[in-house]
Amino acid sequence: MDDCIFCKIVKGEIPSNKAYEDDKVLAFYDLEPQAPVHILIIPKEHIKSAAEITEENSAIVAHIFEVAAKLAKEKQLDGGFRIVNNAGDDAGQSVKHLHFHLLGGRTFGWPAG
């Protein structure tokens, strides 16, 4: 998508502080971190939200979680971490490109905080 900020990051049109990259996903540090470790993990293919996951594209979600586990180990998040996905406006999805927040390095409350 031409106007998607995450697609522009994938293409290198907008710089990012990369934490991980392979042929399927890109992970980069959030510009407004909500925890000592706050990494966004996105598929390189544009998928609007979790609501658009299908049988044909669902393998990317498994791969994203594999990358999240790898990054959590690298960042020594041995005490735990949180993975957050917001799908749609009511859930607070601000960028309409599927993405997961990997958060760690502090204790979290529930349901928010």
Protein backbone atom coordinates (compact mmCIF):
# COMPACT_ATOMS: atom_id res chain seq x y z
CA MET A 1 0.00 0.00 0.00
CA ASP A 2 1.41 3.34 -1.04
CA ASP A 3 0.24 5.31 2.00
CA CYS A 4 1.02 2.70 4.70
CA ILE A 5 3.80 3.86 7.01
CA PHE A 6 4.84 0.28 7.84
CA CYS A 7 5.04 -0.63 4.14
CA LYS A 8 7.30 2.40 3.69
CA ILE A 9 9.48 1.19 6.57
CA VAL A 10 9.70 -2.27 4.97
CA LYS A 11 10.76 -0.66 1.65
CA GLY A 12 13.40 1.44 3.42
CA GLU A 13 11.66 4.71 2.52
CA ILE A 14 11.34 5.55 6.21
CA PRO A 15 14.24 4.64 8.53
CA SER A 16 13.78 2.37 11.53
CA ASN A 17 15.94 0.98 14.29
CA LYS A 18 15.83 -2.68 13.28
CA ALA A 19 15.86 -5.44 15.86
CA TYR A 20 15.41 -8.31 13.37
CA GLU A 21 14.73 -8.88 9.69
CA ASP A 22 14.26 -11.86 7.40
CA ASP A 23 12.47 -12.42 4.11
CA LYS A 24 9.01 -12.48 5.79
CA VAL A 25 9.08 -10.06 8.72
CA LEU A 26 10.67 -6.92 10.05
CA ALA A 27 11.04 -6.09 13.72
CA PHE A 28 11.99 -2.62 14.89
CA TYR A 29 12.02 -0.58 18.08
CA ASP A 30 8.91 1.48 18.84
CA LEU A 31 9.45 5.25 18.73
CA GLU A 32 7.30 5.70 21.85
CA PRO A 33 8.25 2.71 24.02
CA GLN A 34 5.84 1.61 26.72
CA ALA A 35 8.40 -0.68 28.36
CA PRO A 36 12.20 -1.00 28.51
CA VAL A 37 11.89 -3.41 25.58
CA HIS A 38 9.23 -2.43 23.03
CA ILE A 39 9.64 -3.94 19.58
CA LEU A 40 7.10 -3.96 16.75
CA ILE A 41 7.03 -7.10 14.63
CA ILE A 42 5.34 -6.78 11.24
CA PRO A 43 4.90 -8.96 8.18
CA LYS A 44 6.54 -7.53 5.07
CA GLU A 45 3.38 -8.35 3.14
CA HIS A 46 0.63 -5.82 3.76
CA ILE A 47 -2.16 -7.38 5.81
CA LYS A 48 -4.52 -4.76 7.21
CA SER A 49 -5.24 -6.37 10.59
CA ALA A 50 -5.75 -9.65 12.43
CA ALA A 51 -9.29 -9.57 11.04
CA GLU A 52 -7.78 -10.30 7.62
CA ILE A 53 -5.94 -13.48 8.66
CA THR A 54 -7.00 -16.35 6.42
CA GLU A 55 -6.01 -19.94 5.83
CA GLU A 56 -3.78 -18.68 3.00
CA ASN A 57 -1.81 -16.14 5.06
CA SER A 58 -2.02 -17.44 8.64
CA ALA A 59 1.47 -18.99 8.63
CA ILE A 60 2.91 -15.49 9.00
CA VAL A 61 1.41 -15.22 12.48
CA ALA A 62 3.21 -18.39 13.59
CA HIS A 63 6.44 -17.01 12.15
CA ILE A 64 5.93 -13.70 13.95
CA PHE A 65 5.54 -15.55 17.25
CA GLU A 66 8.72 -17.54 16.52
CA VAL A 67 10.55 -14.24 15.97
CA ALA A 68 9.03 -12.81 19.16
CA ALA A 69 10.34 -15.80 21.16
CA LYS A 70 13.79 -15.39 19.60
CA LEU A 71 13.88 -11.67 20.39
CA ALA A 72 12.63 -12.27 23.96
CA LYS A 73 15.53 -14.68 24.51
CA GLU A 74 18.03 -12.25 22.97
CA LYS A 75 16.72 -9.43 25.18
CA GLN A 76 16.84 -11.72 28.24
CA LEU A 77 13.16 -11.33 29.05
CA ASP A 78 13.38 -14.41 31.27
CA GLY A 79 10.78 -13.09 33.71
CA GLY A 80 8.18 -12.84 30.97
CA PHE A 81 6.96 -10.61 28.22
CA ARG A 82 3.75 -9.43 26.65
CA ILE A 83 2.66 -9.61 23.02
CA VAL A 84 -0.10 -7.19 22.02
CA ASN A 85 -2.11 -6.92 18.82
CA ASN A 86 -4.86 -4.36 18.28
CA ALA A 87 -7.32 -5.17 15.50
CA GLY A 88 -9.53 -2.32 14.32
CA ASP A 89 -10.37 1.16 15.46
CA ASP A 90 -12.27 0.14 18.61
CA ALA A 91 -9.22 -1.83 19.77
CA GLY A 92 -6.90 1.11 19.21
CA GLN A 93 -5.17 0.00 16.01
CA SER A 94 -3.48 3.18 14.84
CA VAL A 95 -1.57 1.77 11.84
CA LYS A 96 -3.64 -0.35 9.47
CA HIS A 97 -0.92 -2.95 8.90
CA LEU A 98 -0.86 -6.12 10.99
CA HIS A 99 1.66 -5.71 13.80
CA PHE A 100 2.49 -7.13 17.16
CA HIS A 101 4.08 -5.30 20.07
CA LEU A 102 6.68 -7.27 22.03
CA LEU A 103 6.92 -5.65 25.45
CA GLY A 104 9.17 -6.62 28.34
CA GLY A 105 11.63 -5.56 30.96
CA ARG A 106 9.04 -4.53 33.53
CA THR A 107 6.06 -5.94 35.41
CA PHE A 108 2.67 -5.48 33.73
CA GLY A 109 -0.79 -5.18 35.23
CA TRP A 110 -3.97 -6.58 33.78
CA PRO A 111 -5.89 -5.70 31.68
CA ALA A 112 -3.75 -2.67 30.92
CA GLY A 113 -0.64 -1.05 32.25
